[in-house]
Amino acid sequence: MNPNFATNGEKLSPYKGLGSLTTDKKVSTITNVSKFQDDSYKEYCKITVKKAYQKKYKIKSVNIRYAVSDIKTYKFKNYIYKNYTVNNKNRFIVNIFGNESVSFDKLTVNYQTK
């Protein structure tokens, strides 16, 4: 008996994904981007002042509120507040916690006017 085995050169690609959510406000555009590949996960928020307002408005600071919940019961525990000083730029990227127990809750952008 002579068994024959068939083989091919197919390679499996890693599990990848990208998702984004864009919110348009009067002065700025806020894009929340989520990237994942296999077991790694990265989430960030990109804040951009619109072209029509770039001469008049600059981003002064960004305040973010995160909600912390219990992993087992999914009940709310408390809030974590983070403040970022931007120093008058038209664009800013904030890395958001990628944890199961911490979720993005609220974002406030403060502007400097000329």
PDB file of N, CA and C in Angstrom:
ATOM      1  N   MET A   1       0.838  -1.165   0.000  1.00  0.00           N
ATOM      2  CA  MET A   1       0.000   0.000   0.000  1.00  0.00           C
ATOM      3  C   MET A   1       0.890   1.237   0.000  1.00  0.00           C
ATOM      4  N   ASN A   2       0.596   2.163  -0.869  1.00  0.00           N
ATOM      5  CA  ASN A   2       1.397   3.360  -1.042  1.00  0.00           C
ATOM      6  C   ASN A   2       0.502   4.586  -0.808  1.00  0.00           C
ATOM      7  N   PRO A   3       0.500   5.182   0.388  1.00  0.00           N
ATOM      8  CA  PRO A   3      -0.356   6.350   0.613  1.00  0.00           C
ATOM      9  C   PRO A   3       0.274   7.605   0.007  1.00  0.00           C
ATOM     10  N   ASN A   4      -0.560   8.441  -0.579  1.00  0.00           N
ATOM     11  CA  ASN A   4      -0.125   9.725  -1.138  1.00  0.00           C
ATOM     12  C   ASN A   4      -0.719  10.851  -0.294  1.00  0.00           C
ATOM     13  N   PHE A   5       0.102  11.859  -0.010  1.00  0.00           N
ATOM     14  CA  PHE A   5      -0.366  13.003   0.760  1.00  0.00           C
ATOM     15  C   PHE A   5      -0.269  14.245  -0.110  1.00  0.00           C
ATOM     16  N   ALA A   6      -1.318  15.049  -0.091  1.00  0.00           N
ATOM     17  CA  ALA A   6      -1.322  16.297  -0.854  1.00  0.00           C
ATOM     18  C   ALA A   6      -0.944  17.444   0.084  1.00  0.00           C
ATOM     19  N   THR A   7      -0.092  18.306  -0.398  1.00  0.00           N
ATOM     20  CA  THR A   7       0.287  19.480   0.378  1.00  0.00           C
ATOM     21  C   THR A   7       0.101  20.709  -0.484  1.00  0.00           C
ATOM     22  N   ASN A   8      -0.079  21.828   0.167  1.00  0.00           N
ATOM     23  CA  ASN A   8      -0.151  23.091  -0.567  1.00  0.00           C
ATOM     24  C   ASN A   8       0.644  24.146   0.192  1.00  0.00           C
ATOM     25  N   GLY A   9       0.892  25.249  -0.463  1.00  0.00           N
ATOM     26  CA  GLY A   9       1.705  26.319   0.118  1.00  0.00           C
ATOM     27  C   GLY A   9       0.875  27.423   0.740  1.00  0.00           C
ATOM     28  N   GLU A  10      -0.328  27.134   1.191  1.00  0.00           N
ATOM     29  CA  GLU A  10      -1.188  28.159   1.764  1.00  0.00           C
ATOM     30  C   GLU A  10      -0.691  28.553   3.148  1.00  0.00           C
ATOM     31  N   LYS A  11      -0.591  29.875   3.365  1.00  0.00           N
ATOM     32  CA  LYS A  11      -0.181  30.388   4.667  1.00  0.00           C
ATOM     33  C   LYS A  11      -1.370  31.084   5.309  1.00  0.00           C
ATOM     34  N   LEU A  12      -1.520  30.872   6.575  1.00  0.00           N
ATOM     35  CA  LEU A  12      -2.600  31.528   7.298  1.00  0.00           C
ATOM     36  C   LEU A  12      -2.151  32.919   7.718  1.00  0.00           C
ATOM     37  N   SER A  13      -2.997  33.895   7.461  1.00  0.00           N
ATOM     38  CA  SER A  13      -2.667  35.260   7.857  1.00  0.00           C
ATOM     39  C   SER A  13      -3.140  35.486   9.290  1.00  0.00           C
ATOM     40  N   PRO A  14      -2.482  36.395  10.007  1.00  0.00           N
ATOM     41  CA  PRO A  14      -2.898  36.665  11.382  1.00  0.00           C
ATOM     42  C   PRO A  14      -4.269  37.340  11.404  1.00  0.00           C
ATOM     43  N   TYR A  15      -4.950  37.191  12.510  1.00  0.00           N
ATOM     44  CA  TYR A  15      -6.269  37.776  12.699  1.00  0.00           C
ATOM     45  C   TYR A  15      -6.105  39.272  12.917  1.00  0.00           C
ATOM     46  N   LYS A  16      -6.619  40.092  11.993  1.00  0.00           N
ATOM     47  CA  LYS A  16      -6.454  41.539  12.059  1.00  0.00           C
ATOM     48  C   LYS A  16      -7.811  42.217  11.973  1.00  0.00           C
ATOM     49  N   GLY A  17      -7.871  43.436  12.470  1.00  0.00           N
ATOM     50  CA  GLY A  17      -9.093  44.209  12.357  1.00  0.00           C
ATOM     51  C   GLY A  17      -8.844  45.676  12.646  1.00  0.00           C
ATOM     52  N   LEU A  18      -9.716  46.518  12.104  1.00  0.00           N
ATOM     53  CA  LEU A  18      -9.625  47.957  12.296  1.00  0.00           C
ATOM     54  C   LEU A  18     -11.034  48.510  12.309  1.00  0.00           C
ATOM     55  N   GLY A  19     -11.327  49.327  13.294  1.00  0.00           N
ATOM     56  CA  GLY A  19     -12.630  49.971  13.369  1.00  0.00           C
ATOM     57  C   GLY A  19     -12.451  51.416  13.763  1.00  0.00           C
ATOM     58  N   SER A  20     -13.287  52.281  13.226  1.00  0.00           N
ATOM     59  CA  SER A  20     -13.197  53.688  13.596  1.00  0.00           C
ATOM     60  C   SER A  20     -14.590  54.294  13.675  1.00  0.00           C
ATOM     61  N   LEU A  21     -14.719  55.268  14.548  1.00  0.00           N
ATOM     62  CA  LEU A  21     -15.960  55.991  14.746  1.00  0.00           C
ATOM     63  C   LEU A  21     -15.621  57.472  14.725  1.00  0.00           C
ATOM     64  N   THR A  22     -16.230  58.222  13.799  1.00  0.00           N
ATOM     65  CA  THR A  22     -15.925  59.638  13.641  1.00  0.00           C
ATOM     66  C   THR A  22     -17.102  60.478  14.117  1.00  0.00           C
ATOM     67  N   THR A  23     -16.794  61.496  14.927  1.00  0.00           N
ATOM     68  CA  THR A  23     -17.798  62.427  15.420  1.00  0.00           C
ATOM     69  C   THR A  23     -17.426  63.817  14.942  1.00  0.00           C
ATOM     70  N   ASP A  24     -18.349  64.468  14.246  1.00  0.00           N
ATOM     71  CA  ASP A  24     -18.124  65.828  13.755  1.00  0.00           C
ATOM     72  C   ASP A  24     -18.735  66.830  14.724  1.00  0.00           C
ATOM     73  N   LYS A  25     -17.925  67.740  15.203  1.00  0.00           N
ATOM     74  CA  LYS A  25     -18.389  68.843  16.034  1.00  0.00           C
ATOM     75  C   LYS A  25     -18.199  70.129  15.237  1.00  0.00           C
ATOM     76  N   LYS A  26     -18.589  71.261  15.807  1.00  0.00           N
ATOM     77  CA  LYS A  26     -18.500  72.524  15.079  1.00  0.00           C
ATOM     78  C   LYS A  26     -17.054  72.890  14.746  1.00  0.00           C
ATOM     79  N   VAL A  27     -16.161  72.783  15.712  1.00  0.00           N
ATOM     80  CA  VAL A  27     -14.780  73.227  15.540  1.00  0.00           C
ATOM     81  C   VAL A  27     -13.843  72.079  15.196  1.00  0.00           C
ATOM     82  N   SER A  28     -14.123  70.876  15.672  1.00  0.00           N
ATOM     83  CA  SER A  28     -13.174  69.773  15.502  1.00  0.00           C
ATOM     84  C   SER A  28     -13.854  68.488  15.046  1.00  0.00           C
ATOM     85  N   THR A  29     -13.004  67.555  14.612  1.00  0.00           N
ATOM     86  CA  THR A  29     -13.426  66.208  14.251  1.00  0.00           C
ATOM     87  C   THR A  29     -12.713  65.242  15.188  1.00  0.00           C
ATOM     88  N   ILE A  30     -13.484  64.350  15.810  1.00  0.00           N
ATOM     89  CA  ILE A  30     -12.933  63.388  16.755  1.00  0.00           C
ATOM     90  C   ILE A  30     -13.117  61.994  16.176  1.00  0.00           C
ATOM     91  N   THR A  31     -12.000  61.273  15.998  1.00  0.00           N
ATOM     92  CA  THR A  31     -12.035  59.922  15.440  1.00  0.00           C
ATOM     93  C   THR A  31     -11.517  58.948  16.486  1.00  0.00           C
ATOM     94  N   ASN A  32     -12.338  57.978  16.828  1.00  0.00           N
ATOM     95  CA  ASN A  32     -11.952  56.932  17.772  1.00  0.00           C
ATOM     96  C   ASN A  32     -11.588  55.695  16.963  1.00  0.00           C
ATOM     97  N   VAL A  33     -10.329  55.261  17.011  1.00  0.00           N
ATOM     98  CA  VAL A  33      -9.825  54.158  16.194  1.00  0.00           C
ATOM     99  C   VAL A  33      -9.465  52.978  17.095  1.00  0.00           C
ATOM    100  N   SER A  34      -9.904  51.789  16.693  1.00  0.00           N
ATOM    101  CA  SER A  34      -9.569  50.546  17.397  1.00  0.00           C
ATOM    102  C   SER A  34      -8.862  49.616  16.428  1.00  0.00           C
ATOM    103  N   LYS A  35      -7.671  49.143  16.807  1.00  0.00           N
ATOM    104  CA  LYS A  35      -6.902  48.210  15.983  1.00  0.00           C
ATOM    105  C   LYS A  35      -6.633  46.959  16.797  1.00  0.00           C
ATOM    106  N   PHE A  36      -6.740  45.812  16.154  1.00  0.00           N
ATOM    107  CA  PHE A  36      -6.374  44.580  16.838  1.00  0.00           C
ATOM    108  C   PHE A  36      -5.730  43.613  15.865  1.00  0.00           C
ATOM    109  N   GLN A  37      -4.810  42.831  16.392  1.00  0.00           N
ATOM    110  CA  GLN A  37      -4.120  41.799  15.630  1.00  0.00           C
ATOM    111  C   GLN A  37      -3.769  40.680  16.598  1.00  0.00           C
ATOM    112  N   ASP A  38      -4.326  39.506  16.332  1.00  0.00           N
ATOM    113  CA  ASP A  38      -4.173  38.347  17.215  1.00  0.00           C
ATOM    114  C   ASP A  38      -4.576  38.723  18.648  1.00  0.00           C
ATOM    115  N   ASP A  39      -3.628  38.760  19.576  1.00  0.00           N
ATOM    116  CA  ASP A  39      -3.956  39.048  20.973  1.00  0.00           C
ATOM    117  C   ASP A  39      -3.713  40.503  21.370  1.00  0.00           C
ATOM    118  N   SER A  40      -3.103  41.306  20.507  1.00  0.00           N
ATOM    119  CA  SER A  40      -2.823  42.692  20.860  1.00  0.00           C
ATOM    120  C   SER A  40      -3.988  43.590  20.440  1.00  0.00           C
ATOM    121  N   TYR A  41      -4.239  44.619  21.248  1.00  0.00           N
ATOM    122  CA  TYR A  41      -5.349  45.538  21.020  1.00  0.00           C
ATOM    123  C   TYR A  41      -4.868  46.944  21.335  1.00  0.00           C
ATOM    124  N   LYS A  42      -5.166  47.890  20.439  1.00  0.00           N
ATOM    125  CA  LYS A  42      -4.769  49.275  20.643  1.00  0.00           C
ATOM    126  C   LYS A  42      -5.943  50.163  20.270  1.00  0.00           C
ATOM    127  N   GLU A  43      -6.223  51.135  21.129  1.00  0.00           N
ATOM    128  CA  GLU A  43      -7.299  52.075  20.868  1.00  0.00           C
ATOM    129  C   GLU A  43      -6.770  53.480  21.113  1.00  0.00           C
ATOM    130  N   TYR A  44      -7.058  54.383  20.185  1.00  0.00           N
ATOM    131  CA  TYR A  44      -6.654  55.765  20.370  1.00  0.00           C
ATOM    132  C   TYR A  44      -7.713  56.700  19.808  1.00  0.00           C
ATOM    133  N   CYS A  45      -7.643  57.950  20.240  1.00  0.00           N
ATOM    134  CA  CYS A  45      -8.592  58.977  19.835  1.00  0.00           C
ATOM    135  C   CYS A  45      -7.809  60.101  19.167  1.00  0.00           C
ATOM    136  N   LYS A  46      -8.175  60.429  17.934  1.00  0.00           N
ATOM    137  CA  LYS A  46      -7.482  61.466  17.171  1.00  0.00           C
ATOM    138  C   LYS A  46      -8.397  62.687  17.080  1.00  0.00           C
ATOM    139  N   ILE A  47      -7.920  63.821  17.590  1.00  0.00           N
ATOM    140  CA  ILE A  47      -8.692  65.061  17.609  1.00  0.00           C
ATOM    141  C   ILE A  47      -8.035  66.035  16.639  1.00  0.00           C
ATOM    142  N   THR A  48      -8.811  66.537  15.684  1.00  0.00           N
ATOM    143  CA  THR A  48      -8.291  67.438  14.662  1.00  0.00           C
ATOM    144  C   THR A  48      -9.193  68.661  14.548  1.00  0.00           C
ATOM    145  N   VAL A  49      -8.586  69.856  14.561  1.00  0.00           N
ATOM    146  CA  VAL A  49      -9.341  71.084  14.335  1.00  0.00           C
ATOM    147  C   VAL A  49      -9.617  71.193  12.838  1.00  0.00           C
ATOM    148  N   LYS A  50     -10.855  71.540  12.477  1.00  0.00           N
ATOM    149  CA  LYS A  50     -11.229  71.637  11.061  1.00  0.00           C
ATOM    150  C   LYS A  50     -10.459  72.765  10.377  1.00  0.00           C
ATOM    151  N   LYS A  51     -10.256  72.616   9.070  1.00  0.00           N
ATOM    152  CA  LYS A  51      -9.451  73.579   8.288  1.00  0.00           C
ATOM    153  C   LYS A  51      -9.977  75.000   8.414  1.00  0.00           C
ATOM    154  N   ALA A  52     -11.283  75.173   8.408  1.00  0.00           N
ATOM    155  CA  ALA A  52     -11.870  76.511   8.465  1.00  0.00           C
ATOM    156  C   ALA A  52     -11.585  77.221   9.789  1.00  0.00           C
ATOM    157  N   TYR A  53     -11.307  76.467  10.846  1.00  0.00           N
ATOM    158  CA  TYR A  53     -11.093  77.036  12.178  1.00  0.00           C
ATOM    159  C   TYR A  53      -9.642  76.981  12.646  1.00  0.00           C
ATOM    160  N   GLN A  54      -8.722  76.471  11.839  1.00  0.00           N
ATOM    161  CA  GLN A  54      -7.345  76.273  12.297  1.00  0.00           C
ATOM    162  C   GLN A  54      -6.601  77.565  12.609  1.00  0.00           C
ATOM    163  N   LYS A  55      -6.935  78.662  11.958  1.00  0.00           N
ATOM    164  CA  LYS A  55      -6.249  79.925  12.244  1.00  0.00           C
ATOM    165  C   LYS A  55      -6.754  80.560  13.534  1.00  0.00           C
ATOM    166  N   LYS A  56      -8.017  80.293  13.869  1.00  0.00           N
ATOM    167  CA  LYS A  56      -8.608  80.927  15.039  1.00  0.00           C
ATOM    168  C   LYS A  56      -8.534  80.067  16.305  1.00  0.00           C
ATOM    169  N   TYR A  57      -8.629  78.744  16.174  1.00  0.00           N
ATOM    170  CA  TYR A  57      -8.666  77.845  17.325  1.00  0.00           C
ATOM    171  C   TYR A  57      -7.469  76.902  17.337  1.00  0.00           C
ATOM    172  N   LYS A  58      -6.925  76.670  18.521  1.00  0.00           N
ATOM    173  CA  LYS A  58      -5.877  75.672  18.762  1.00  0.00           C
ATOM    174  C   LYS A  58      -6.310  74.851  19.975  1.00  0.00           C
ATOM    175  N   ILE A  59      -5.927  73.581  20.005  1.00  0.00           N
ATOM    176  CA  ILE A  59      -6.277  72.726  21.138  1.00  0.00           C
ATOM    177  C   ILE A  59      -5.359  73.062  22.306  1.00  0.00           C
ATOM    178  N   LYS A  60      -5.957  73.445  23.424  1.00  0.00           N
ATOM    179  CA  LYS A  60      -5.191  73.813  24.613  1.00  0.00           C
ATOM    180  C   LYS A  60      -4.997  72.606  25.537  1.00  0.00           C
ATOM    181  N   SER A  61      -6.079  71.880  25.814  1.00  0.00           N
ATOM    182  CA  SER A  61      -5.996  70.702  26.680  1.00  0.00           C
ATOM    183  C   SER A  61      -7.145  69.747  26.372  1.00  0.00           C
ATOM    184  N   VAL A  62      -6.968  68.501  26.806  1.00  0.00           N
ATOM    185  CA  VAL A  62      -7.976  67.460  26.620  1.00  0.00           C
ATOM    186  C   VAL A  62      -8.191  66.777  27.965  1.00  0.00           C
ATOM    187  N   ASN A  63      -9.453  66.648  28.367  1.00  0.00           N
ATOM    188  CA  ASN A  63      -9.817  65.969  29.612  1.00  0.00           C
ATOM    189  C   ASN A  63     -10.627  64.730  29.264  1.00  0.00           C
ATOM    190  N   ILE A  64     -10.250  63.587  29.831  1.00  0.00           N
ATOM    191  CA  ILE A  64     -10.939  62.329  29.549  1.00  0.00           C
ATOM    192  C   ILE A  64     -11.393  61.700  30.860  1.00  0.00           C
ATOM    193  N   ARG A  65     -12.617  61.166  30.825  1.00  0.00           N
ATOM    194  CA  ARG A  65     -13.148  60.434  31.975  1.00  0.00           C
ATOM    195  C   ARG A  65     -13.341  58.975  31.568  1.00  0.00           C
ATOM    196  N   TYR A  66     -12.752  58.074  32.358  1.00  0.00           N
ATOM    197  CA  TYR A  66     -12.893  56.637  32.135  1.00  0.00           C
ATOM    198  C   TYR A  66     -13.794  56.058  33.224  1.00  0.00           C
ATOM    199  N   ALA A  67     -14.640  55.107  32.856  1.00  0.00           N
ATOM    200  CA  ALA A  67     -15.486  54.413  33.825  1.00  0.00           C
ATOM    201  C   ALA A  67     -14.839  53.075  34.169  1.00  0.00           C
ATOM    202  N   VAL A  68     -14.706  52.800  35.459  1.00  0.00           N
ATOM    203  CA  VAL A  68     -14.118  51.546  35.926  1.00  0.00           C
ATOM    204  C   VAL A  68     -15.247  50.651  36.425  1.00  0.00           C
ATOM    205  N   SER A  69     -15.243  49.392  35.956  1.00  0.00           N
ATOM    206  CA  SER A  69     -16.274  48.446  36.386  1.00  0.00           C
ATOM    207  C   SER A  69     -15.621  47.153  36.867  1.00  0.00           C
ATOM    208  N   ASP A  70     -16.368  46.394  37.638  1.00  0.00           N
ATOM    209  CA  ASP A  70     -15.894  45.106  38.141  1.00  0.00           C
ATOM    210  C   ASP A  70     -15.973  44.083  37.008  1.00  0.00           C
ATOM    211  N   ILE A  71     -14.904  43.314  36.788  1.00  0.00           N
ATOM    212  CA  ILE A  71     -14.856  42.360  35.673  1.00  0.00           C
ATOM    213  C   ILE A  71     -15.857  41.220  35.869  1.00  0.00           C
ATOM    214  N   LYS A  72     -16.031  40.771  37.091  1.00  0.00           N
ATOM    215  CA  LYS A  72     -16.911  39.621  37.338  1.00  0.00           C
ATOM    216  C   LYS A  72     -18.389  39.982  37.251  1.00  0.00           C
ATOM    217  N   THR A  73     -18.776  41.110  37.842  1.00  0.00           N
ATOM    218  CA  THR A  73     -20.196  41.475  37.891  1.00  0.00           C
ATOM    219  C   THR A  73     -20.577  42.558  36.886  1.00  0.00           C
ATOM    220  N   TYR A  74     -19.612  43.197  36.255  1.00  0.00           N
ATOM    221  CA  TYR A  74     -19.816  44.295  35.304  1.00  0.00           C
ATOM    222  C   TYR A  74     -20.563  45.477  35.929  1.00  0.00           C
ATOM    223  N   LYS A  75     -20.430  45.652  37.230  1.00  0.00           N
ATOM    224  CA  LYS A  75     -21.053  46.782  37.907  1.00  0.00           C
ATOM    225  C   LYS A  75     -20.066  47.933  37.983  1.00  0.00           C
ATOM    226  N   PHE A  76     -20.596  49.145  37.883  1.00  0.00           N
ATOM    227  CA  PHE A  76     -19.798  50.362  37.923  1.00  0.00           C
ATOM    228  C   PHE A  76     -19.157  50.528  39.299  1.00  0.00           C
ATOM    229  N   LYS A  77     -17.845  50.907  39.301  1.00  0.00           N
ATOM    230  CA  LYS A  77     -17.131  51.169  40.558  1.00  0.00           C
ATOM    231  C   LYS A  77     -16.891  52.662  40.753  1.00  0.00           C
ATOM    232  N   ASN A  78     -16.112  53.275  39.849  1.00  0.00           N
ATOM    233  CA  ASN A  78     -15.772  54.690  39.978  1.00  0.00           C
ATOM    234  C   ASN A  78     -15.259  55.228  38.645  1.00  0.00           C
ATOM    235  N   TYR A  79     -14.862  56.502  38.645  1.00  0.00           N
ATOM    236  CA  TYR A  79     -14.310  57.152  37.460  1.00  0.00           C
ATOM    237  C   TYR A  79     -12.817  57.420  37.648  1.00  0.00           C
ATOM    238  N   ILE A  80     -12.081  57.413  36.538  1.00  0.00           N
ATOM    239  CA  ILE A  80     -10.683  57.843  36.503  1.00  0.00           C
ATOM    240  C   ILE A  80     -10.620  59.045  35.565  1.00  0.00           C
ATOM    241  N   TYR A  81      -9.987  60.123  36.022  1.00  0.00           N
ATOM    242  CA  TYR A  81      -9.874  61.336  35.217  1.00  0.00           C
ATOM    243  C   TYR A  81      -8.433  61.509  34.755  1.00  0.00           C
ATOM    244  N   LYS A  82      -8.245  61.802  33.468  1.00  0.00           N
ATOM    245  CA  LYS A  82      -6.922  62.076  32.900  1.00  0.00           C
ATOM    246  C   LYS A  82      -6.976  63.427  32.195  1.00  0.00           C
ATOM    247  N   ASN A  83      -5.972  64.270  32.443  1.00  0.00           N
ATOM    248  CA  ASN A  83      -5.869  65.574  31.803  1.00  0.00           C
ATOM    249  C   ASN A  83      -4.588  65.623  30.983  1.00  0.00           C
ATOM    250  N   TYR A  84      -4.691  66.090  29.749  1.00  0.00           N
ATOM    251  CA  TYR A  84      -3.544  66.201  28.854  1.00  0.00           C
ATOM    252  C   TYR A  84      -3.382  67.656  28.438  1.00  0.00           C
ATOM    253  N   THR A  85      -2.166  68.197  28.550  1.00  0.00           N
ATOM    254  CA  THR A  85      -1.850  69.541  28.078  1.00  0.00           C
ATOM    255  C   THR A  85      -1.284  69.413  26.674  1.00  0.00           C
ATOM    256  N   VAL A  86      -1.882  70.130  25.727  1.00  0.00           N
ATOM    257  CA  VAL A  86      -1.530  69.958  24.319  1.00  0.00           C
ATOM    258  C   VAL A  86      -0.605  71.057  23.814  1.00  0.00           C
ATOM    259  N   ASN A  87      -0.620  72.227  24.410  1.00  0.00           N
ATOM    260  CA  ASN A  87       0.225  73.356  24.013  1.00  0.00           C
ATOM    261  C   ASN A  87      -0.084  73.879  22.615  1.00  0.00           C
ATOM    262  N   ASN A  88      -1.335  74.192  22.369  1.00  0.00           N
ATOM    263  CA  ASN A  88      -1.779  74.918  21.174  1.00  0.00           C
ATOM    264  C   ASN A  88      -1.413  74.248  19.859  1.00  0.00           C
ATOM    265  N   LYS A  89      -1.972  73.094  19.604  1.00  0.00           N
ATOM    266  CA  LYS A  89      -1.762  72.374  18.350  1.00  0.00           C
ATOM    267  C   LYS A  89      -3.090  72.181  17.632  1.00  0.00           C
ATOM    268  N   ASN A  90      -3.013  71.891  16.331  1.00  0.00           N
ATOM    269  CA  ASN A  90      -4.215  71.644  15.534  1.00  0.00           C
ATOM    270  C   ASN A  90      -4.653  70.185  15.582  1.00  0.00           C
ATOM    271  N   ARG A  91      -3.760  69.298  16.011  1.00  0.00           N
ATOM    272  CA  ARG A  91      -4.049  67.866  16.007  1.00  0.00           C
ATOM    273  C   ARG A  91      -3.437  67.234  17.251  1.00  0.00           C
ATOM    274  N   PHE A  92      -4.156  66.275  17.827  1.00  0.00           N
ATOM    275  CA  PHE A  92      -3.672  65.595  19.027  1.00  0.00           C
ATOM    276  C   PHE A  92      -4.191  64.161  19.041  1.00  0.00           C
ATOM    277  N   ILE A  93      -3.332  63.217  19.441  1.00  0.00           N
ATOM    278  CA  ILE A  93      -3.712  61.808  19.525  1.00  0.00           C
ATOM    279  C   ILE A  93      -3.570  61.354  20.973  1.00  0.00           C
ATOM    280  N   VAL A  94      -4.634  60.760  21.509  1.00  0.00           N
ATOM    281  CA  VAL A  94      -4.665  60.279  22.882  1.00  0.00           C
ATOM    282  C   VAL A  94      -4.777  58.762  22.861  1.00  0.00           C
ATOM    283  N   ASN A  95      -3.851  58.070  23.515  1.00  0.00           N
ATOM    284  CA  ASN A  95      -3.956  56.616  23.661  1.00  0.00           C
ATOM    285  C   ASN A  95      -4.939  56.311  24.777  1.00  0.00           C
ATOM    286  N   ILE A  96      -5.914  55.465  24.474  1.00  0.00           N
ATOM    287  CA  ILE A  96      -6.961  55.124  25.427  1.00  0.00           C
ATOM    288  C   ILE A  96      -6.638  53.775  26.045  1.00  0.00           C
ATOM    289  N   PHE A  97      -6.941  53.628  27.333  1.00  0.00           N
ATOM    290  CA  PHE A  97      -6.708  52.354  28.019  1.00  0.00           C
ATOM    291  C   PHE A  97      -7.412  51.233  27.277  1.00  0.00           C
ATOM    292  N   GLY A  98      -6.733  50.118  27.081  1.00  0.00           N
ATOM    293  CA  GLY A  98      -7.326  48.960  26.434  1.00  0.00           C
ATOM    294  C   GLY A  98      -7.555  47.840  27.421  1.00  0.00           C
ATOM    295  N   ASN A  99      -8.267  48.136  28.480  1.00  0.00           N
ATOM    296  CA  ASN A  99      -8.460  47.172  29.556  1.00  0.00           C
ATOM    297  C   ASN A  99      -9.930  46.772  29.620  1.00  0.00           C
ATOM    298  N   GLU A 100     -10.210  45.542  30.033  1.00  0.00           N
ATOM    299  CA  GLU A 100     -11.593  45.073  30.129  1.00  0.00           C
ATOM    300  C   GLU A 100     -12.381  45.809  31.204  1.00  0.00           C
ATOM    301  N   SER A 101     -11.721  46.179  32.292  1.00  0.00           N
ATOM    302  CA  SER A 101     -12.436  46.803  33.401  1.00  0.00           C
ATOM    303  C   SER A 101     -12.530  48.323  33.269  1.00  0.00           C
ATOM    304  N   VAL A 102     -11.784  48.933  32.338  1.00  0.00           N
ATOM    305  CA  VAL A 102     -11.787  50.382  32.151  1.00  0.00           C
ATOM    306  C   VAL A 102     -12.312  50.698  30.757  1.00  0.00           C
ATOM    307  N   SER A 103     -13.322  51.571  30.687  1.00  0.00           N
ATOM    308  CA  SER A 103     -13.886  51.936  29.387  1.00  0.00           C
ATOM    309  C   SER A 103     -13.922  53.452  29.234  1.00  0.00           C
ATOM    310  N   PHE A 104     -13.796  53.913  28.003  1.00  0.00           N
ATOM    311  CA  PHE A 104     -13.821  55.327  27.651  1.00  0.00           C
ATOM    312  C   PHE A 104     -15.232  55.855  27.889  1.00  0.00           C
ATOM    313  N   ASP A 105     -15.369  56.961  28.632  1.00  0.00           N
ATOM    314  CA  ASP A 105     -16.691  57.456  28.996  1.00  0.00           C
ATOM    315  C   ASP A 105     -16.990  58.843  28.433  1.00  0.00           C
ATOM    316  N   LYS A 106     -16.093  59.819  28.648  1.00  0.00           N
ATOM    317  CA  LYS A 106     -16.374  61.197  28.245  1.00  0.00           C
ATOM    318  C   LYS A 106     -15.081  61.894  27.838  1.00  0.00           C
ATOM    319  N   LEU A 107     -15.166  62.754  26.822  1.00  0.00           N
ATOM    320  CA  LEU A 107     -14.004  63.500  26.341  1.00  0.00           C
ATOM    321  C   LEU A 107     -14.373  64.973  26.239  1.00  0.00           C
ATOM    322  N   THR A 108     -13.534  65.852  26.783  1.00  0.00           N
ATOM    323  CA  THR A 108     -13.741  67.294  26.714  1.00  0.00           C
ATOM    324  C   THR A 108     -12.501  67.927  26.108  1.00  0.00           C
ATOM    325  N   VAL A 109     -12.703  68.772  25.082  1.00  0.00           N
ATOM    326  CA  VAL A 109     -11.598  69.463  24.416  1.00  0.00           C
ATOM    327  C   VAL A 109     -11.697  70.944  24.757  1.00  0.00           C
ATOM    328  N   ASN A 110     -10.603  71.530  25.265  1.00  0.00           N
ATOM    329  CA  ASN A 110     -10.534  72.959  25.565  1.00  0.00           C
ATOM    330  C   ASN A 110      -9.682  73.632  24.497  1.00  0.00           C
ATOM    331  N   TYR A 111     -10.165  74.774  23.983  1.00  0.00           N
ATOM    332  CA  TYR A 111      -9.500  75.463  22.879  1.00  0.00           C
ATOM    333  C   TYR A 111      -8.887  76.777  23.335  1.00  0.00           C
ATOM    334  N   GLN A 112      -7.828  77.177  22.647  1.00  0.00           N
ATOM    335  CA  GLN A 112      -7.201  78.488  22.795  1.00  0.00           C
ATOM    336  C   GLN A 112      -7.624  79.296  21.574  1.00  0.00           C
ATOM    337  N   THR A 113      -8.168  80.487  21.773  1.00  0.00           N
ATOM    338  CA  THR A 113      -8.573  81.323  20.642  1.00  0.00           C
ATOM    339  C   THR A 113      -7.579  82.452  20.459  1.00  0.00           C
ATOM    340  N   LYS A 114      -7.442  82.882  19.220  1.00  0.00           N
ATOM    341  CA  LYS A 114      -6.519  83.983  18.914  1.00  0.00           C
ATOM    342  C   LYS A 114      -7.283  85.254  18.674  1.00  0.00           C
TER     343      LYS A 114
END
